[in-house]
Amino acid sequence: MKMDKVANSKNDEFYTPKYAVLPITKYVPSNSNVWCPFDTEESIFVRVLREQGHTVQFSHIEQGKDFFKTDIPEGCEYIISNPPYSLKGEVLSSLFERGIPFAMLVGVVGIFESQKRFHMFKDNIFEIMYLNKRVAYFKDFSEQKPSAHPPFSSVYVCHKMLPKQIIFEEIDKKVLH
């Protein structure tokens, strides 16, 4: 299934497996207050960050929380998630404007390809975490069976989170739960 076809539909909701969440967590200081703006309680981002001792707030459009109309929760120090594929440019632009350190897991294809995005990245401080394997996202939390094998790599686009502009991390796809 091609992600671009899914993104043009009304259903570009894909969930991130644990092995793809773990690499970013080592760059979140202990006991941080994190907002996961595209997540529900069952999100792997929410669960892993809580397991690691962070205070995690989450919100999701299905619960009436539109990211673009939602204020950053009080005390939020970091914003971490996997935004809807079809809105990644708009999400990143909004995050840069908000100024809070963030990490968003996004498909790398086309990330720099428009003039608007070119200027967005040129005019803002950002870092990239490149993963050594493609992320196989899933559609159902009860099974966590990969339903999408994208024909592209995913990267974390970050702002004021990583120690260098580009970091390379290895993922272990055997880490499931």
C-alpha atoms as a PDB file:
ATOM      1  CA  MET A   1       0.000   0.000   0.000  1.00  0.00           C
ATOM      2  CA  LYS A   2       1.498   3.309  -1.003  1.00  0.00           C
ATOM      3  CA  MET A   3       1.483   5.956   1.701  1.00  0.00           C
ATOM      4  CA  ASP A   4       0.815   8.762  -0.791  1.00  0.00           C
ATOM      5  CA  LYS A   5      -2.441   7.107  -1.847  1.00  0.00           C
ATOM      6  CA  VAL A   6      -3.419   6.653   1.775  1.00  0.00           C
ATOM      7  CA  ALA A   7      -2.456  10.232   2.588  1.00  0.00           C
ATOM      8  CA  ASN A   8      -4.780  11.546  -0.089  1.00  0.00           C
ATOM      9  CA  SER A   9      -7.618   9.591   1.463  1.00  0.00           C
ATOM     10  CA  LYS A  10      -9.216  10.577   4.730  1.00  0.00           C
ATOM     11  CA  ASN A  11      -7.373   7.797   6.526  1.00  0.00           C
ATOM     12  CA  ASP A  12      -3.677   8.461   6.926  1.00  0.00           C
ATOM     13  CA  GLU A  13      -3.695   7.338  10.554  1.00  0.00           C
ATOM     14  CA  PHE A  14      -0.815   4.908  11.053  1.00  0.00           C
ATOM     15  CA  TYR A  15       0.649   3.968  14.424  1.00  0.00           C
ATOM     16  CA  THR A  16       4.307   3.792  15.341  1.00  0.00           C
ATOM     17  CA  PRO A  17       5.838   0.541  16.639  1.00  0.00           C
ATOM     18  CA  LYS A  18       7.901   0.531  19.816  1.00  0.00           C
ATOM     19  CA  TYR A  19      11.187  -0.066  18.001  1.00  0.00           C
ATOM     20  CA  ALA A  20      10.729   3.274  16.208  1.00  0.00           C
ATOM     21  CA  VAL A  21       9.811   5.159  19.400  1.00  0.00           C
ATOM     22  CA  LEU A  22      12.807   4.014  21.463  1.00  0.00           C
ATOM     23  CA  PRO A  23      15.572   5.866  19.535  1.00  0.00           C
ATOM     24  CA  ILE A  24      14.169   9.332  20.257  1.00  0.00           C
ATOM     25  CA  THR A  25      13.595   8.646  23.957  1.00  0.00           C
ATOM     26  CA  LYS A  26      17.300   8.660  24.767  1.00  0.00           C
ATOM     27  CA  TYR A  27      17.331  12.373  23.894  1.00  0.00           C
ATOM     28  CA  VAL A  28      14.514  13.279  26.288  1.00  0.00           C
ATOM     29  CA  PRO A  29      15.914  14.269  29.711  1.00  0.00           C
ATOM     30  CA  SER A  30      14.636  12.318  32.730  1.00  0.00           C
ATOM     31  CA  ASN A  31      11.276  13.283  34.192  1.00  0.00           C
ATOM     32  CA  SER A  32      10.354  15.592  31.317  1.00  0.00           C
ATOM     33  CA  ASN A  33       6.857  16.857  30.583  1.00  0.00           C
ATOM     34  CA  VAL A  34       5.949  15.674  27.071  1.00  0.00           C
ATOM     35  CA  TRP A  35       2.931  16.373  24.887  1.00  0.00           C
ATOM     36  CA  CYS A  36       1.981  13.799  22.241  1.00  0.00           C
ATOM     37  CA  PRO A  37      -0.498  15.805  20.122  1.00  0.00           C
ATOM     38  CA  PHE A  38      -1.519  13.076  17.664  1.00  0.00           C
ATOM     39  CA  ASP A  39      -1.944  10.282  20.155  1.00  0.00           C
ATOM     40  CA  THR A  40      -4.415   8.440  22.353  1.00  0.00           C
ATOM     41  CA  GLU A  41      -3.835   6.667  25.651  1.00  0.00           C
ATOM     42  CA  GLU A  42      -2.909   3.460  23.821  1.00  0.00           C
ATOM     43  CA  SER A  43      -0.218   5.134  21.701  1.00  0.00           C
ATOM     44  CA  ILE A  44       3.204   3.534  21.921  1.00  0.00           C
ATOM     45  CA  PHE A  45       4.724   7.026  22.286  1.00  0.00           C
ATOM     46  CA  VAL A  46       2.528   7.664  25.341  1.00  0.00           C
ATOM     47  CA  ARG A  47       3.167   4.245  26.880  1.00  0.00           C
ATOM     48  CA  VAL A  48       6.953   4.187  26.372  1.00  0.00           C
ATOM     49  CA  LEU A  49       7.487   7.754  27.582  1.00  0.00           C
ATOM     50  CA  ARG A  50       5.381   7.065  30.711  1.00  0.00           C
ATOM     51  CA  GLU A  51       7.258   3.813  31.351  1.00  0.00           C
ATOM     52  CA  GLN A  52      10.460   5.852  31.280  1.00  0.00           C
ATOM     53  CA  GLY A  53       9.139   8.186  33.991  1.00  0.00           C
ATOM     54  CA  HIS A  54       8.036  11.172  31.938  1.00  0.00           C
ATOM     55  CA  THR A  55       4.825  13.107  32.498  1.00  0.00           C
ATOM     56  CA  VAL A  56       2.890  12.646  29.271  1.00  0.00           C
ATOM     57  CA  GLN A  57      -0.120  14.539  28.030  1.00  0.00           C
ATOM     58  CA  PHE A  58      -1.796  13.444  24.824  1.00  0.00           C
ATOM     59  CA  SER A  59      -4.494  14.651  22.491  1.00  0.00           C
ATOM     60  CA  HIS A  60      -6.114  13.436  19.301  1.00  0.00           C
ATOM     61  CA  ILE A  61      -8.495  14.798  16.671  1.00  0.00           C
ATOM     62  CA  GLU A  62     -10.934  11.936  17.382  1.00  0.00           C
ATOM     63  CA  GLN A  63     -11.282  13.319  20.916  1.00  0.00           C
ATOM     64  CA  GLY A  64     -12.070  16.776  19.565  1.00  0.00           C
ATOM     65  CA  LYS A  65      -8.512  18.074  19.951  1.00  0.00           C
ATOM     66  CA  ASP A  66      -7.406  19.610  16.665  1.00  0.00           C
ATOM     67  CA  PHE A  67      -3.648  20.164  16.907  1.00  0.00           C
ATOM     68  CA  PHE A  68      -3.851  23.448  15.023  1.00  0.00           C
ATOM     69  CA  LYS A  69      -6.456  24.833  17.435  1.00  0.00           C
ATOM     70  CA  THR A  70      -5.077  23.339  20.664  1.00  0.00           C
ATOM     71  CA  ASP A  71      -2.863  25.300  23.029  1.00  0.00           C
ATOM     72  CA  ILE A  72       0.332  23.675  24.207  1.00  0.00           C
ATOM     73  CA  PRO A  73      -0.407  22.053  27.576  1.00  0.00           C
ATOM     74  CA  GLU A  74       0.928  23.912  30.593  1.00  0.00           C
ATOM     75  CA  GLY A  75       4.404  22.800  31.594  1.00  0.00           C
ATOM     76  CA  CYS A  76       5.124  21.093  28.271  1.00  0.00           C
ATOM     77  CA  GLU A  77       8.863  20.812  27.605  1.00  0.00           C
ATOM     78  CA  TYR A  78       8.860  18.541  24.526  1.00  0.00           C
ATOM     79  CA  ILE A  79       6.418  17.644  21.757  1.00  0.00           C
ATOM     80  CA  ILE A  80       6.872  14.140  20.319  1.00  0.00           C
ATOM     81  CA  SER A  81       4.693  12.163  17.914  1.00  0.00           C
ATOM     82  CA  ASN A  82       4.020  10.820  14.434  1.00  0.00           C
ATOM     83  CA  PRO A  83       1.777  13.382  12.697  1.00  0.00           C
ATOM     84  CA  PRO A  84      -0.734  12.567   9.968  1.00  0.00           C
ATOM     85  CA  TYR A  85       1.254  11.955   6.803  1.00  0.00           C
ATOM     86  CA  SER A  86      -0.799  14.347   4.699  1.00  0.00           C
ATOM     87  CA  LEU A  87      -0.273  17.226   7.167  1.00  0.00           C
ATOM     88  CA  LYS A  88       3.432  16.866   7.948  1.00  0.00           C
ATOM     89  CA  GLY A  89       4.432  20.180   6.356  1.00  0.00           C
ATOM     90  CA  GLU A  90       1.720  22.149   8.136  1.00  0.00           C
ATOM     91  CA  VAL A  91       2.475  20.411  11.429  1.00  0.00           C
ATOM     92  CA  LEU A  92       6.202  21.150  11.224  1.00  0.00           C
ATOM     93  CA  SER A  93       5.531  24.785  10.332  1.00  0.00           C
ATOM     94  CA  SER A  94       3.223  25.152  13.334  1.00  0.00           C
ATOM     95  CA  LEU A  95       5.749  23.492  15.630  1.00  0.00           C
ATOM     96  CA  PHE A  96       8.560  25.803  14.530  1.00  0.00           C
ATOM     97  CA  GLU A  97       6.263  28.761  15.246  1.00  0.00           C
ATOM     98  CA  ARG A  98       5.421  27.419  18.716  1.00  0.00           C
ATOM     99  CA  GLY A  99       9.115  27.218  19.623  1.00  0.00           C
ATOM    100  CA  ILE A 100       8.987  24.199  21.981  1.00  0.00           C
ATOM    101  CA  PRO A 101      11.589  21.461  21.360  1.00  0.00           C
ATOM    102  CA  PHE A 102      10.002  18.727  19.254  1.00  0.00           C
ATOM    103  CA  ALA A 103      10.551  15.427  17.457  1.00  0.00           C
ATOM    104  CA  MET A 104       8.173  14.305  14.703  1.00  0.00           C
ATOM    105  CA  LEU A 105       8.550  10.975  12.926  1.00  0.00           C
ATOM    106  CA  VAL A 106       7.801  11.624   9.245  1.00  0.00           C
ATOM    107  CA  GLY A 107       8.414  10.080   5.852  1.00  0.00           C
ATOM    108  CA  VAL A 108      11.543  11.581   4.321  1.00  0.00           C
ATOM    109  CA  VAL A 109      10.199  11.618   0.749  1.00  0.00           C
ATOM    110  CA  GLY A 110       9.373  15.145  -0.315  1.00  0.00           C
ATOM    111  CA  ILE A 111      10.239  16.676   3.027  1.00  0.00           C
ATOM    112  CA  PHE A 112      12.346  19.451   1.437  1.00  0.00           C
ATOM    113  CA  GLU A 113      10.713  19.550  -1.999  1.00  0.00           C
ATOM    114  CA  SER A 114       8.508  22.639  -1.939  1.00  0.00           C
ATOM    115  CA  GLN A 115       9.647  26.257  -1.786  1.00  0.00           C
ATOM    116  CA  LYS A 116       7.579  26.732   1.351  1.00  0.00           C
ATOM    117  CA  ARG A 117       9.292  23.803   3.114  1.00  0.00           C
ATOM    118  CA  PHE A 118      12.698  24.847   1.769  1.00  0.00           C
ATOM    119  CA  HIS A 119      12.306  28.229   3.444  1.00  0.00           C
ATOM    120  CA  MET A 120      10.792  26.724   6.578  1.00  0.00           C
ATOM    121  CA  PHE A 121      13.874  24.556   7.120  1.00  0.00           C
ATOM    122  CA  LYS A 122      16.291  27.252   5.969  1.00  0.00           C
ATOM    123  CA  ASP A 123      14.857  29.733   8.458  1.00  0.00           C
ATOM    124  CA  ASN A 124      14.672  27.428  11.502  1.00  0.00           C
ATOM    125  CA  ILE A 125      17.018  25.407  13.674  1.00  0.00           C
ATOM    126  CA  PHE A 126      16.380  21.706  13.088  1.00  0.00           C
ATOM    127  CA  GLU A 127      17.969  18.307  13.443  1.00  0.00           C
ATOM    128  CA  ILE A 128      17.350  14.995  11.697  1.00  0.00           C
ATOM    129  CA  MET A 129      17.503  11.522  13.197  1.00  0.00           C
ATOM    130  CA  TYR A 130      17.971   9.019  10.399  1.00  0.00           C
ATOM    131  CA  LEU A 131      17.012   5.408  11.170  1.00  0.00           C
ATOM    132  CA  ASN A 132      18.885   2.482   9.625  1.00  0.00           C
ATOM    133  CA  LYS A 133      15.708   0.602   8.609  1.00  0.00           C
ATOM    134  CA  ARG A 134      12.304   1.545   7.296  1.00  0.00           C
ATOM    135  CA  VAL A 135       9.504   1.734   9.831  1.00  0.00           C
ATOM    136  CA  ALA A 136       6.579  -0.634   9.271  1.00  0.00           C
ATOM    137  CA  TYR A 137       3.598   1.212  10.740  1.00  0.00           C
ATOM    138  CA  PHE A 138       0.427  -0.537  11.886  1.00  0.00           C
ATOM    139  CA  LYS A 139      -3.314   0.232  11.934  1.00  0.00           C
ATOM    140  CA  ASP A 140      -4.570  -1.756  14.954  1.00  0.00           C
ATOM    141  CA  PHE A 141      -3.188  -1.521  18.506  1.00  0.00           C
ATOM    142  CA  SER A 142      -4.546  -4.952  19.447  1.00  0.00           C
ATOM    143  CA  GLU A 143      -2.529  -6.745  16.747  1.00  0.00           C
ATOM    144  CA  GLN A 144       0.298  -4.308  15.973  1.00  0.00           C
ATOM    145  CA  LYS A 145       0.729  -6.208  12.732  1.00  0.00           C
ATOM    146  CA  PRO A 146       2.491  -4.036  10.155  1.00  0.00           C
ATOM    147  CA  SER A 147      -0.055  -2.891   7.625  1.00  0.00           C
ATOM    148  CA  ALA A 148       2.102  -0.457   5.732  1.00  0.00           C
ATOM    149  CA  HIS A 149       5.575  -1.067   4.389  1.00  0.00           C
ATOM    150  CA  PRO A 150       6.339   2.360   2.983  1.00  0.00           C
ATOM    151  CA  PRO A 151       8.603   2.610  -0.038  1.00  0.00           C
ATOM    152  CA  PHE A 152      10.576   5.305   1.796  1.00  0.00           C
ATOM    153  CA  SER A 153      12.476   5.818   5.016  1.00  0.00           C
ATOM    154  CA  SER A 154      11.178   7.684   8.018  1.00  0.00           C
ATOM    155  CA  VAL A 155      13.169  10.251   9.952  1.00  0.00           C
ATOM    156  CA  TYR A 156      12.646  12.247  13.078  1.00  0.00           C
ATOM    157  CA  VAL A 157      12.585  15.931  12.266  1.00  0.00           C
ATOM    158  CA  CYS A 158      13.569  17.651  15.498  1.00  0.00           C
ATOM    159  CA  HIS A 159      13.970  21.141  16.884  1.00  0.00           C
ATOM    160  CA  LYS A 160      16.352  21.739  19.806  1.00  0.00           C
ATOM    161  CA  MET A 161      16.409  18.057  20.816  1.00  0.00           C
ATOM    162  CA  LEU A 162      19.474  16.400  19.323  1.00  0.00           C
ATOM    163  CA  PRO A 163      23.135  17.214  20.069  1.00  0.00           C
ATOM    164  CA  LYS A 164      24.048  17.467  16.353  1.00  0.00           C
ATOM    165  CA  GLN A 165      22.191  18.430  13.194  1.00  0.00           C
ATOM    166  CA  ILE A 166      22.121  14.819  12.013  1.00  0.00           C
ATOM    167  CA  ILE A 167      22.129  11.689  14.130  1.00  0.00           C
ATOM    168  CA  PHE A 168      22.097   8.113  12.882  1.00  0.00           C
ATOM    169  CA  GLU A 169      20.304   5.535  15.031  1.00  0.00           C
ATOM    170  CA  GLU A 170      19.808   1.824  14.607  1.00  0.00           C
ATOM    171  CA  ILE A 171      16.463   0.217  15.262  1.00  0.00           C
ATOM    172  CA  ASP A 172      15.791  -3.372  16.277  1.00  0.00           C
ATOM    173  CA  LYS A 173      12.549  -4.558  14.696  1.00  0.00           C
ATOM    174  CA  LYS A 174      12.428  -7.494  17.133  1.00  0.00           C
ATOM    175  CA  VAL A 175      11.473  -5.059  19.917  1.00  0.00           C
ATOM    176  CA  LEU A 176       7.705  -5.284  19.803  1.00  0.00           C
ATOM    177  CA  HIS A 177       6.222  -4.747  23.246  1.00  0.00           C
END
